[in-house]
Amino acid sequence: GQWAFPGGFLKMNETASEGARRELWEETFLKTEAIRELGTFT
């Protein structure tokens, strides 16, 4: 019920950018190739 950024778990057969674009499409039906890596949060 809370708000968050689109995202999800990375699959074993995809890169991080591929996983990000896939999750973005699955959760919002939005496609974009122009994504840039922001950083890693640990």
PDB file of all heavy atoms in Angstrom:
ATOM      1  N   GLY A   1       0.787  -1.221   0.000  1.00  0.00           N
ATOM      2  CA  GLY A   1       0.000   0.000   0.000  1.00  0.00           C
ATOM      3  C   GLY A   1       0.821   1.274   0.000  1.00  0.00           C
ATOM      4  O   GLY A   1       0.272   2.361  -0.214  1.00  0.00           O
ATOM      5  N   GLN A   2       2.138   1.178   0.241  1.00  0.00           N
ATOM      6  CA  GLN A   2       2.981   2.368   0.228  1.00  0.00           C
ATOM      7  C   GLN A   2       3.562   2.587  -1.164  1.00  0.00           C
ATOM      8  O   GLN A   2       3.584   1.688  -2.007  1.00  0.00           O
ATOM      9  CB  GLN A   2       4.103   2.238   1.262  1.00  0.00           C
ATOM     10  CG  GLN A   2       3.635   2.388   2.706  1.00  0.00           C
ATOM     11  CD  GLN A   2       4.793   2.502   3.666  1.00  0.00           C
ATOM     12  OE1 GLN A   2       4.891   1.763   4.649  1.00  0.00           O
ATOM     13  NE2 GLN A   2       5.694   3.432   3.398  1.00  0.00           N
ATOM     14  N   TRP A   3       4.052   3.803  -1.374  1.00  0.00           N
ATOM     15  CA  TRP A   3       4.607   4.180  -2.668  1.00  0.00           C
ATOM     16  C   TRP A   3       6.110   3.918  -2.696  1.00  0.00           C
ATOM     17  O   TRP A   3       6.795   4.050  -1.678  1.00  0.00           O
ATOM     18  CB  TRP A   3       4.325   5.638  -2.964  1.00  0.00           C
ATOM     19  CG  TRP A   3       2.869   5.913  -3.182  1.00  0.00           C
ATOM     20  CD1 TRP A   3       1.958   6.307  -2.251  1.00  0.00           C
ATOM     21  CD2 TRP A   3       2.151   5.792  -4.414  1.00  0.00           C
ATOM     22  NE1 TRP A   3       0.712   6.434  -2.818  1.00  0.00           N
ATOM     23  CE2 TRP A   3       0.797   6.134  -4.148  1.00  0.00           C
ATOM     24  CE3 TRP A   3       2.500   5.430  -5.715  1.00  0.00           C
ATOM     25  CZ2 TRP A   3      -0.177   6.125  -5.141  1.00  0.00           C
ATOM     26  CZ3 TRP A   3       1.530   5.432  -6.705  1.00  0.00           C
ATOM     27  CH2 TRP A   3       0.216   5.765  -6.415  1.00  0.00           C
ATOM     28  N   ALA A   4       6.595   3.544  -3.869  1.00  0.00           N
ATOM     29  CA  ALA A   4       8.013   3.235  -4.042  1.00  0.00           C
ATOM     30  C   ALA A   4       8.385   3.463  -5.497  1.00  0.00           C
ATOM     31  O   ALA A   4       7.520   3.697  -6.351  1.00  0.00           O
ATOM     32  CB  ALA A   4       8.301   1.788  -3.644  1.00  0.00           C
ATOM     33  N   PHE A   5       9.669   3.377  -5.791  1.00  0.00           N
ATOM     34  CA  PHE A   5      10.107   3.451  -7.177  1.00  0.00           C
ATOM     35  C   PHE A   5       9.873   2.110  -7.862  1.00  0.00           C
ATOM     36  O   PHE A   5       9.948   1.063  -7.220  1.00  0.00           O
ATOM     37  CB  PHE A   5      11.585   3.828  -7.263  1.00  0.00           C
ATOM     38  CG  PHE A   5      11.868   5.230  -6.803  1.00  0.00           C
ATOM     39  CD1 PHE A   5      12.777   5.477  -5.786  1.00  0.00           C
ATOM     40  CD2 PHE A   5      11.234   6.304  -7.401  1.00  0.00           C
ATOM     41  CE1 PHE A   5      13.032   6.762  -5.364  1.00  0.00           C
ATOM     42  CE2 PHE A   5      11.483   7.601  -6.981  1.00  0.00           C
ATOM     43  CZ  PHE A   5      12.384   7.826  -5.965  1.00  0.00           C
ATOM     44  N   PRO A   6       9.600   2.125  -9.157  1.00  0.00           N
ATOM     45  CA  PRO A   6       9.465   0.851  -9.878  1.00  0.00           C
ATOM     46  C   PRO A   6      10.762   0.060  -9.781  1.00  0.00           C
ATOM     47  O   PRO A   6      11.848   0.609  -9.931  1.00  0.00           O
ATOM     48  CB  PRO A   6       9.194   1.284 -11.325  1.00  0.00           C
ATOM     49  CG  PRO A   6       8.744   2.708 -11.228  1.00  0.00           C
ATOM     50  CD  PRO A   6       9.416   3.286 -10.030  1.00  0.00           C
ATOM     51  N   GLY A   7      10.642  -1.234  -9.543  1.00  0.00           N
ATOM     52  CA  GLY A   7      11.841  -2.058  -9.437  1.00  0.00           C
ATOM     53  C   GLY A   7      11.511  -3.453  -8.962  1.00  0.00           C
ATOM     54  O   GLY A   7      10.353  -3.779  -8.693  1.00  0.00           O
ATOM     55  N   GLY A   8      12.535  -4.270  -8.863  1.00  0.00           N
ATOM     56  CA  GLY A   8      12.324  -5.640  -8.407  1.00  0.00           C
ATOM     57  C   GLY A   8      13.598  -6.444  -8.477  1.00  0.00           C
ATOM     58  O   GLY A   8      14.684  -5.917  -8.768  1.00  0.00           O
ATOM     59  N   PHE A   9      13.487  -7.737  -8.224  1.00  0.00           N
ATOM     60  CA  PHE A   9      14.645  -8.608  -8.147  1.00  0.00           C
ATOM     61  C   PHE A   9      15.223  -8.889  -9.527  1.00  0.00           C
ATOM     62  O   PHE A   9      14.496  -9.092 -10.506  1.00  0.00           O
ATOM     63  CB  PHE A   9      14.271  -9.917  -7.453  1.00  0.00           C
ATOM     64  CG  PHE A   9      14.071  -9.760  -5.974  1.00  0.00           C
ATOM     65  CD1 PHE A   9      12.804  -9.523  -5.457  1.00  0.00           C
ATOM     66  CD2 PHE A   9      15.139  -9.824  -5.099  1.00  0.00           C
ATOM     67  CE1 PHE A   9      12.619  -9.360  -4.094  1.00  0.00           C
ATOM     68  CE2 PHE A   9      14.958  -9.659  -3.731  1.00  0.00           C
ATOM     69  CZ  PHE A   9      13.694  -9.427  -3.231  1.00  0.00           C
ATOM     70  N   LEU A  10      16.543  -8.912  -9.578  1.00  0.00           N
ATOM     71  CA  LEU A  10      17.274  -9.157 -10.809  1.00  0.00           C
ATOM     72  C   LEU A  10      17.291 -10.656 -11.108  1.00  0.00           C
ATOM     73  O   LEU A  10      17.501 -11.480 -10.216  1.00  0.00           O
ATOM     74  CB  LEU A  10      18.706  -8.635 -10.656  1.00  0.00           C
ATOM     75  CG  LEU A  10      19.579  -8.542 -11.892  1.00  0.00           C
ATOM     76  CD1 LEU A  10      18.990  -7.551 -12.886  1.00  0.00           C
ATOM     77  CD2 LEU A  10      20.986  -8.109 -11.489  1.00  0.00           C
ATOM     78  N   LYS A  11      17.068 -10.993 -12.376  1.00  0.00           N
ATOM     79  CA  LYS A  11      17.121 -12.392 -12.793  1.00  0.00           C
ATOM     80  C   LYS A  11      18.563 -12.794 -13.108  1.00  0.00           C
ATOM     81  O   LYS A  11      19.410 -11.959 -13.401  1.00  0.00           O
ATOM     82  CB  LYS A  11      16.228 -12.604 -14.011  1.00  0.00           C
ATOM     83  CG  LYS A  11      14.751 -12.407 -13.729  1.00  0.00           C
ATOM     84  CD  LYS A  11      13.911 -12.674 -14.975  1.00  0.00           C
ATOM     85  CE  LYS A  11      12.417 -12.526 -14.680  1.00  0.00           C
ATOM     86  NZ  LYS A  11      11.583 -12.784 -15.893  1.00  0.00           N
ATOM     87  N   MET A  12      18.815 -14.092 -13.065  1.00  0.00           N
ATOM     88  CA  MET A  12      20.170 -14.598 -13.252  1.00  0.00           C
ATOM     89  C   MET A  12      20.691 -14.375 -14.668  1.00  0.00           C
ATOM     90  O   MET A  12      21.902 -14.352 -14.887  1.00  0.00           O
ATOM     91  CB  MET A  12      20.220 -16.094 -12.915  1.00  0.00           C
ATOM     92  CG  MET A  12      19.875 -16.415 -11.471  1.00  0.00           C
ATOM     93  SD  MET A  12      21.066 -15.733 -10.289  1.00  0.00           S
ATOM     94  CE  MET A  12      22.480 -16.793 -10.594  1.00  0.00           C
ATOM     95  N   ASN A  13      19.797 -14.230 -15.628  1.00  0.00           N
ATOM     96  CA  ASN A  13      20.222 -14.156 -17.031  1.00  0.00           C
ATOM     97  C   ASN A  13      20.147 -12.746 -17.608  1.00  0.00           C
ATOM     98  O   ASN A  13      20.078 -12.578 -18.832  1.00  0.00           O
ATOM     99  CB  ASN A  13      19.378 -15.106 -17.886  1.00  0.00           C
ATOM    100  CG  ASN A  13      17.904 -14.726 -17.889  1.00  0.00           C
ATOM    101  OD1 ASN A  13      17.469 -13.931 -17.064  1.00  0.00           O
ATOM    102  ND2 ASN A  13      17.142 -15.291 -18.814  1.00  0.00           N
ATOM    103  N   GLU A  14      20.142 -11.704 -16.775  1.00  0.00           N
ATOM    104  CA  GLU A  14      20.050 -10.342 -17.292  1.00  0.00           C
ATOM    105  C   GLU A  14      21.016  -9.416 -16.569  1.00  0.00           C
ATOM    106  O   GLU A  14      21.390  -9.645 -15.419  1.00  0.00           O
ATOM    107  CB  GLU A  14      18.617  -9.812 -17.160  1.00  0.00           C
ATOM    108  CG  GLU A  14      18.093  -9.722 -15.752  1.00  0.00           C
ATOM    109  CD  GLU A  14      16.614  -9.356 -15.689  1.00  0.00           C
ATOM    110  OE1 GLU A  14      15.971  -9.195 -16.741  1.00  0.00           O
ATOM    111  OE2 GLU A  14      16.098  -9.266 -14.557  1.00  0.00           O
ATOM    112  N   THR A  15      21.416  -8.373 -17.275  1.00  0.00           N
ATOM    113  CA  THR A  15      22.246  -7.353 -16.659  1.00  0.00           C
ATOM    114  C   THR A  15      21.365  -6.458 -15.791  1.00  0.00           C
ATOM    115  O   THR A  15      20.131  -6.513 -15.856  1.00  0.00           O
ATOM    116  CB  THR A  15      22.943  -6.496 -17.726  1.00  0.00           C
ATOM    117  OG1 THR A  15      21.933  -5.767 -18.458  1.00  0.00           O
ATOM    118  CG2 THR A  15      23.740  -7.362 -18.699  1.00  0.00           C
ATOM    119  N   ALA A  16      22.009  -5.601 -15.007  1.00  0.00           N
ATOM    120  CA  ALA A  16      21.243  -4.715 -14.131  1.00  0.00           C
ATOM    121  C   ALA A  16      20.365  -3.767 -14.938  1.00  0.00           C
ATOM    122  O   ALA A  16      19.194  -3.546 -14.597  1.00  0.00           O
ATOM    123  CB  ALA A  16      22.187  -3.934 -13.223  1.00  0.00           C
ATOM    124  N   SER A  17      20.899  -3.204 -16.020  1.00  0.00           N
ATOM    125  CA  SER A  17      20.092  -2.270 -16.829  1.00  0.00           C
ATOM    126  C   SER A  17      18.945  -2.999 -17.516  1.00  0.00           C
ATOM    127  O   SER A  17      17.841  -2.449 -17.640  1.00  0.00           O
ATOM    128  CB  SER A  17      20.969  -1.549 -17.854  1.00  0.00           C
ATOM    129  OG  SER A  17      21.567  -2.465 -18.749  1.00  0.00           O
ATOM    130  N   GLU A  18      19.173  -4.223 -17.945  1.00  0.00           N
ATOM    131  CA  GLU A  18      18.095  -5.006 -18.551  1.00  0.00           C
ATOM    132  C   GLU A  18      17.000  -5.281 -17.519  1.00  0.00           C
ATOM    133  O   GLU A  18      15.804  -5.178 -17.811  1.00  0.00           O
ATOM    134  CB  GLU A  18      18.637  -6.325 -19.102  1.00  0.00           C
ATOM    135  CG  GLU A  18      19.508  -6.161 -20.339  1.00  0.00           C
ATOM    136  CD  GLU A  18      20.225  -7.442 -20.727  1.00  0.00           C
ATOM    137  OE1 GLU A  18      20.275  -8.381 -19.904  1.00  0.00           O
ATOM    138  OE2 GLU A  18      20.752  -7.498 -21.856  1.00  0.00           O
ATOM    139  N   GLY A  19      17.416  -5.641 -16.302  1.00  0.00           N
ATOM    140  CA  GLY A  19      16.445  -5.896 -15.243  1.00  0.00           C
ATOM    141  C   GLY A  19      15.666  -4.652 -14.873  1.00  0.00           C
ATOM    142  O   GLY A  19      14.461  -4.708 -14.612  1.00  0.00           O
ATOM    143  N   ALA A  20      16.344  -3.502 -14.859  1.00  0.00           N
ATOM    144  CA  ALA A  20      15.666  -2.248 -14.528  1.00  0.00           C
ATOM    145  C   ALA A  20      14.608  -1.907 -15.573  1.00  0.00           C
ATOM    146  O   ALA A  20      13.478  -1.539 -15.234  1.00  0.00           O
ATOM    147  CB  ALA A  20      16.694  -1.123 -14.423  1.00  0.00           C
ATOM    148  N   ARG A  21      14.961  -2.041 -16.846  1.00  0.00           N
ATOM    149  CA  ARG A  21      14.000  -1.742 -17.903  1.00  0.00           C
ATOM    150  C   ARG A  21      12.827  -2.728 -17.891  1.00  0.00           C
ATOM    151  O   ARG A  21      11.679  -2.341 -18.129  1.00  0.00           O
ATOM    152  CB  ARG A  21      14.688  -1.738 -19.265  1.00  0.00           C
ATOM    153  CG  ARG A  21      15.615  -0.551 -19.480  1.00  0.00           C
ATOM    154  CD  ARG A  21      16.028  -0.430 -20.933  1.00  0.00           C
ATOM    155  NE  ARG A  21      16.873  -1.559 -21.326  1.00  0.00           N
ATOM    156  CZ  ARG A  21      18.198  -1.542 -21.275  1.00  0.00           C
ATOM    157  NH1 ARG A  21      18.831  -0.463 -20.833  1.00  0.00           N
ATOM    158  NH2 ARG A  21      18.893  -2.577 -21.660  1.00  0.00           N
ATOM    159  N   ARG A  22      13.125  -4.001 -17.605  1.00  0.00           N
ATOM    160  CA  ARG A  22      12.052  -4.995 -17.539  1.00  0.00           C
ATOM    161  C   ARG A  22      11.084  -4.680 -16.413  1.00  0.00           C
ATOM    162  O   ARG A  22       9.855  -4.687 -16.602  1.00  0.00           O
ATOM    163  CB  ARG A  22      12.649  -6.395 -17.337  1.00  0.00           C
ATOM    164  CG  ARG A  22      11.585  -7.481 -17.082  1.00  0.00           C
ATOM    165  CD  ARG A  22      12.204  -8.829 -16.806  1.00  0.00           C
ATOM    166  NE  ARG A  22      13.151  -8.795 -15.701  1.00  0.00           N
ATOM    167  CZ  ARG A  22      12.809  -8.767 -14.408  1.00  0.00           C
ATOM    168  NH1 ARG A  22      11.519  -8.734 -14.050  1.00  0.00           N
ATOM    169  NH2 ARG A  22      13.733  -8.750 -13.467  1.00  0.00           N
ATOM    170  N   GLU A  23      11.608  -4.396 -15.229  1.00  0.00           N
ATOM    171  CA  GLU A  23      10.741  -4.088 -14.095  1.00  0.00           C
ATOM    172  C   GLU A  23       9.936  -2.813 -14.345  1.00  0.00           C
ATOM    173  O   GLU A  23       8.766  -2.720 -13.969  1.00  0.00           O
ATOM    174  CB  GLU A  23      11.577  -3.943 -12.819  1.00  0.00           C
ATOM    175  CG  GLU A  23      12.102  -5.254 -12.255  1.00  0.00           C
ATOM    176  CD  GLU A  23      10.997  -6.080 -11.601  1.00  0.00           C
ATOM    177  OE1 GLU A  23       9.890  -5.547 -11.386  1.00  0.00           O
ATOM    178  OE2 GLU A  23      11.248  -7.258 -11.302  1.00  0.00           O
ATOM    179  N   LEU A  24      10.558  -1.834 -14.974  1.00  0.00           N
ATOM    180  CA  LEU A  24       9.854  -0.586 -15.282  1.00  0.00           C
ATOM    181  C   LEU A  24       8.662  -0.873 -16.187  1.00  0.00           C
ATOM    182  O   LEU A  24       7.558  -0.340 -15.970  1.00  0.00           O
ATOM    183  CB  LEU A  24      10.811   0.394 -15.949  1.00  0.00           C
ATOM    184  CG  LEU A  24      10.232   1.751 -16.353  1.00  0.00           C
ATOM    185  CD1 LEU A  24       9.768   2.529 -15.131  1.00  0.00           C
ATOM    186  CD2 LEU A  24      11.272   2.560 -17.146  1.00  0.00           C
ATOM    187  N   TRP A  25       8.859  -1.705 -17.187  1.00  0.00           N
ATOM    188  CA  TRP A  25       7.769  -2.043 -18.106  1.00  0.00           C
ATOM    189  C   TRP A  25       6.691  -2.867 -17.391  1.00  0.00           C
ATOM    190  O   TRP A  25       5.502  -2.602 -17.540  1.00  0.00           O
ATOM    191  CB  TRP A  25       8.319  -2.807 -19.303  1.00  0.00           C
ATOM    192  CG  TRP A  25       7.254  -3.457 -20.139  1.00  0.00           C
ATOM    193  CD1 TRP A  25       6.952  -4.786 -20.222  1.00  0.00           C
ATOM    194  CD2 TRP A  25       6.309  -2.788 -20.984  1.00  0.00           C
ATOM    195  NE1 TRP A  25       5.906  -5.000 -21.080  1.00  0.00           N
ATOM    196  CE2 TRP A  25       5.487  -3.791 -21.565  1.00  0.00           C
ATOM    197  CE3 TRP A  25       6.091  -1.457 -21.326  1.00  0.00           C
ATOM    198  CZ2 TRP A  25       4.452  -3.487 -22.449  1.00  0.00           C
ATOM    199  CZ3 TRP A  25       5.066  -1.152 -22.203  1.00  0.00           C
ATOM    200  CH2 TRP A  25       4.259  -2.157 -22.755  1.00  0.00           C
ATOM    201  N   GLU A  26       7.107  -3.857 -16.612  1.00  0.00           N
ATOM    202  CA  GLU A  26       6.137  -4.730 -15.962  1.00  0.00           C
ATOM    203  C   GLU A  26       5.266  -3.980 -14.956  1.00  0.00           C
ATOM    204  O   GLU A  26       4.088  -4.301 -14.791  1.00  0.00           O
ATOM    205  CB  GLU A  26       6.857  -5.883 -15.260  1.00  0.00           C
ATOM    206  CG  GLU A  26       7.489  -6.898 -16.208  1.00  0.00           C
ATOM    207  CD  GLU A  26       8.267  -7.987 -15.487  1.00  0.00           C
ATOM    208  OE1 GLU A  26       8.405  -7.911 -14.239  1.00  0.00           O
ATOM    209  OE2 GLU A  26       8.731  -8.913 -16.164  1.00  0.00           O
ATOM    210  N   GLU A  27       5.824  -2.987 -14.293  1.00  0.00           N
ATOM    211  CA  GLU A  27       5.084  -2.310 -13.232  1.00  0.00           C
ATOM    212  C   GLU A  27       4.395  -1.024 -13.677  1.00  0.00           C
ATOM    213  O   GLU A  27       3.495  -0.547 -12.979  1.00  0.00           O
ATOM    214  CB  GLU A  27       6.017  -2.006 -12.058  1.00  0.00           C
ATOM    215  CG  GLU A  27       6.513  -3.271 -11.365  1.00  0.00           C
ATOM    216  CD  GLU A  27       7.212  -2.999 -10.049  1.00  0.00           C
ATOM    217  OE1 GLU A  27       7.576  -1.823  -9.798  1.00  0.00           O
ATOM    218  OE2 GLU A  27       7.397  -3.943  -9.273  1.00  0.00           O
ATOM    219  N   THR A  28       4.797  -0.461 -14.818  1.00  0.00           N
ATOM    220  CA  THR A  28       4.209   0.821 -15.235  1.00  0.00           C
ATOM    221  C   THR A  28       3.831   0.866 -16.708  1.00  0.00           C
ATOM    222  O   THR A  28       3.225   1.834 -17.147  1.00  0.00           O
ATOM    223  CB  THR A  28       5.176   1.988 -14.970  1.00  0.00           C
ATOM    224  OG1 THR A  28       6.294   1.891 -15.853  1.00  0.00           O
ATOM    225  CG2 THR A  28       5.668   1.973 -13.522  1.00  0.00           C
ATOM    226  N   PHE A  29       4.222  -0.131 -17.490  1.00  0.00           N
ATOM    227  CA  PHE A  29       4.021  -0.155 -18.942  1.00  0.00           C
ATOM    228  C   PHE A  29       4.708   1.034 -19.614  1.00  0.00           C
ATOM    229  O   PHE A  29       4.224   1.569 -20.613  1.00  0.00           O
ATOM    230  CB  PHE A  29       2.531  -0.201 -19.299  1.00  0.00           C
ATOM    231  CG  PHE A  29       1.865  -1.483 -18.870  1.00  0.00           C
ATOM    232  CD1 PHE A  29       1.163  -1.540 -17.676  1.00  0.00           C
ATOM    233  CD2 PHE A  29       1.977  -2.631 -19.633  1.00  0.00           C
ATOM    234  CE1 PHE A  29       0.564  -2.729 -17.260  1.00  0.00           C
ATOM    235  CE2 PHE A  29       1.386  -3.824 -19.225  1.00  0.00           C
ATOM    236  CZ  PHE A  29       0.677  -3.874 -18.042  1.00  0.00           C
ATOM    237  N   LEU A  30       5.840   1.410 -19.053  1.00  0.00           N
ATOM    238  CA  LEU A  30       6.635   2.496 -19.609  1.00  0.00           C
ATOM    239  C   LEU A  30       7.951   1.926 -20.116  1.00  0.00           C
ATOM    240  O   LEU A  30       8.613   1.157 -19.410  1.00  0.00           O
ATOM    241  CB  LEU A  30       6.909   3.558 -18.538  1.00  0.00           C
ATOM    242  CG  LEU A  30       7.624   4.831 -18.975  1.00  0.00           C
ATOM    243  CD1 LEU A  30       6.757   5.641 -19.928  1.00  0.00           C
ATOM    244  CD2 LEU A  30       7.987   5.673 -17.761  1.00  0.00           C
ATOM    245  N   LYS A  31       8.332   2.301 -21.340  1.00  0.00           N
ATOM    246  CA  LYS A  31       9.586   1.847 -21.918  1.00  0.00           C
ATOM    247  C   LYS A  31      10.513   3.024 -22.157  1.00  0.00           C
ATOM    248  O   LYS A  31      10.088   4.067 -22.644  1.00  0.00           O
ATOM    249  CB  LYS A  31       9.346   1.120 -23.247  1.00  0.00           C
ATOM    250  CG  LYS A  31       8.813  -0.290 -23.108  1.00  0.00           C
ATOM    251  CD  LYS A  31       8.756  -0.987 -24.463  1.00  0.00           C
ATOM    252  CE  LYS A  31       8.293  -2.436 -24.315  1.00  0.00           C
ATOM    253  NZ  LYS A  31       8.257  -3.142 -25.628  1.00  0.00           N
ATOM    254  N   THR A  32      11.779   2.846 -21.825  1.00  0.00           N
ATOM    255  CA  THR A  32      12.799   3.831 -22.149  1.00  0.00           C
ATOM    256  C   THR A  32      14.148   3.152 -22.185  1.00  0.00           C
ATOM    257  O   THR A  32      14.442   2.287 -21.357  1.00  0.00           O
ATOM    258  CB  THR A  32      12.823   5.004 -21.147  1.00  0.00           C
ATOM    259  OG1 THR A  32      13.865   5.915 -21.528  1.00  0.00           O
ATOM    260  CG2 THR A  32      13.088   4.524 -19.729  1.00  0.00           C
ATOM    261  N   GLU A  33      14.940   3.511 -23.156  1.00  0.00           N
ATOM    262  CA  GLU A  33      16.303   2.995 -23.255  1.00  0.00           C
ATOM    263  C   GLU A  33      17.298   3.945 -22.605  1.00  0.00           C
ATOM    264  O   GLU A  33      18.453   3.583 -22.378  1.00  0.00           O
ATOM    265  CB  GLU A  33      16.674   2.786 -24.734  1.00  0.00           C
ATOM    266  CG  GLU A  33      15.830   1.736 -25.446  1.00  0.00           C
ATOM    267  CD  GLU A  33      16.000   0.350 -24.845  1.00  0.00           C
ATOM    268  OE1 GLU A  33      17.136  -0.007 -24.475  1.00  0.00           O
ATOM    269  OE2 GLU A  33      14.992  -0.376 -24.738  1.00  0.00           O
ATOM    270  N   ALA A  34      16.842   5.153 -22.301  1.00  0.00           N
ATOM    271  CA  ALA A  34      17.751   6.205 -21.839  1.00  0.00           C
ATOM    272  C   ALA A  34      17.907   6.208 -20.323  1.00  0.00           C
ATOM    273  O   ALA A  34      17.727   7.228 -19.667  1.00  0.00           O
ATOM    274  CB  ALA A  34      17.261   7.563 -22.318  1.00  0.00           C
ATOM    275  N   ILE A  35      18.205   5.053 -19.735  1.00  0.00           N
ATOM    276  CA  ILE A  35      18.425   5.012 -18.292  1.00  0.00           C
ATOM    277  C   ILE A  35      19.921   5.037 -17.996  1.00  0.00           C
ATOM    278  O   ILE A  35      20.722   4.470 -18.740  1.00  0.00           O
ATOM    279  CB  ILE A  35      17.753   3.791 -17.634  1.00  0.00           C
ATOM    280  CG1 ILE A  35      18.324   2.482 -18.169  1.00  0.00           C
ATOM    281  CG2 ILE A  35      16.244   3.841 -17.815  1.00  0.00           C
ATOM    282  CD1 ILE A  35      17.846   1.265 -17.405  1.00  0.00           C
ATOM    283  N   ARG A  36      20.270   5.704 -16.926  1.00  0.00           N
ATOM    284  CA  ARG A  36      21.665   5.809 -16.502  1.00  0.00           C
ATOM    285  C   ARG A  36      21.799   5.247 -15.089  1.00  0.00           C
ATOM    286  O   ARG A  36      20.900   5.416 -14.269  1.00  0.00           O
ATOM    287  CB  ARG A  36      22.122   7.272 -16.499  1.00  0.00           C
ATOM    288  CG  ARG A  36      21.940   7.998 -17.809  1.00  0.00           C
ATOM    289  CD  ARG A  36      22.422   9.423 -17.681  1.00  0.00           C
ATOM    290  NE  ARG A  36      22.249  10.184 -18.898  1.00  0.00           N
ATOM    291  CZ  ARG A  36      22.735  11.408 -19.077  1.00  0.00           C
ATOM    292  NH1 ARG A  36      23.423  11.994 -18.120  1.00  0.00           N
ATOM    293  NH2 ARG A  36      22.539  12.040 -20.226  1.00  0.00           N
ATOM    294  N   GLU A  37      22.915   4.626 -14.829  1.00  0.00           N
ATOM    295  CA  GLU A  37      23.123   4.079 -13.489  1.00  0.00           C
ATOM    296  C   GLU A  37      23.341   5.214 -12.502  1.00  0.00           C
ATOM    297  O   GLU A  37      24.176   6.100 -12.718  1.00  0.00           O
ATOM    298  CB  GLU A  37      24.313   3.127 -13.481  1.00  0.00           C
ATOM    299  CG  GLU A  37      24.460   2.364 -12.175  1.00  0.00           C
ATOM    300  CD  GLU A  37      25.468   1.247 -12.250  1.00  0.00           C
ATOM    301  OE1 GLU A  37      25.613   0.643 -13.340  1.00  0.00           O
ATOM    302  OE2 GLU A  37      26.118   0.970 -11.223  1.00  0.00           O
ATOM    303  N   LEU A  38      22.596   5.186 -11.430  1.00  0.00           N
ATOM    304  CA  LEU A  38      22.671   6.220 -10.402  1.00  0.00           C
ATOM    305  C   LEU A  38      23.635   5.834  -9.291  1.00  0.00           C
ATOM    306  O   LEU A  38      24.436   6.647  -8.827  1.00  0.00           O
ATOM    307  CB  LEU A  38      21.276   6.469  -9.817  1.00  0.00           C
ATOM    308  CG  LEU A  38      21.182   7.408  -8.616  1.00  0.00           C
ATOM    309  CD1 LEU A  38      21.622   8.819  -9.006  1.00  0.00           C
ATOM    310  CD2 LEU A  38      19.749   7.428  -8.073  1.00  0.00           C
ATOM    311  N   GLY A  39      23.551   4.590  -8.832  1.00  0.00           N
ATOM    312  CA  GLY A  39      24.421   4.149  -7.757  1.00  0.00           C
ATOM    313  C   GLY A  39      23.915   2.860  -7.132  1.00  0.00           C
ATOM    314  O   GLY A  39      22.830   2.370  -7.456  1.00  0.00           O
ATOM    315  N   THR A  40      24.708   2.323  -6.226  1.00  0.00           N
ATOM    316  CA  THR A  40      24.370   1.088  -5.519  1.00  0.00           C
ATOM    317  C   THR A  40      24.108   1.417  -4.054  1.00  0.00           C
ATOM    318  O   THR A  40      24.878   2.150  -3.427  1.00  0.00           O
ATOM    319  CB  THR A  40      25.514   0.066  -5.630  1.00  0.00           C
ATOM    320  OG1 THR A  40      25.784  -0.178  -7.023  1.00  0.00           O
ATOM    321  CG2 THR A  40      25.135  -1.244  -4.961  1.00  0.00           C
ATOM    322  N   PHE A  41      23.043   0.859  -3.508  1.00  0.00           N
ATOM    323  CA  PHE A  41      22.626   1.158  -2.140  1.00  0.00           C
ATOM    324  C   PHE A  41      22.664  -0.146  -1.332  1.00  0.00           C
ATOM    325  O   PHE A  41      21.995  -1.122  -1.689  1.00  0.00           O
ATOM    326  CB  PHE A  41      21.237   1.788  -2.142  1.00  0.00           C
ATOM    327  CG  PHE A  41      21.224   3.125  -2.843  1.00  0.00           C
ATOM    328  CD1 PHE A  41      21.156   3.194  -4.231  1.00  0.00           C
ATOM    329  CD2 PHE A  41      21.328   4.298  -2.109  1.00  0.00           C
ATOM    330  CE1 PHE A  41      21.177   4.423  -4.883  1.00  0.00           C
ATOM    331  CE2 PHE A  41      21.357   5.528  -2.758  1.00  0.00           C
ATOM    332  CZ  PHE A  41      21.275   5.591  -4.140  1.00  0.00           C
ATOM    333  N   THR A  42      23.466  -0.123  -0.259  1.00  0.00           N
ATOM    334  CA  THR A  42      23.824  -1.385   0.401  1.00  0.00           C
ATOM    335  C   THR A  42      23.585  -1.386   1.907  1.00  0.00           C
ATOM    336  O   THR A  42      24.155  -2.220   2.622  1.00  0.00           O
ATOM    337  CB  THR A  42      25.307  -1.707   0.135  1.00  0.00           C
ATOM    338  OG1 THR A  42      26.124  -0.677   0.718  1.00  0.00           O
ATOM    339  CG2 THR A  42      25.594  -1.803  -1.346  1.00  0.00           C
TER     340      THR A  42
END
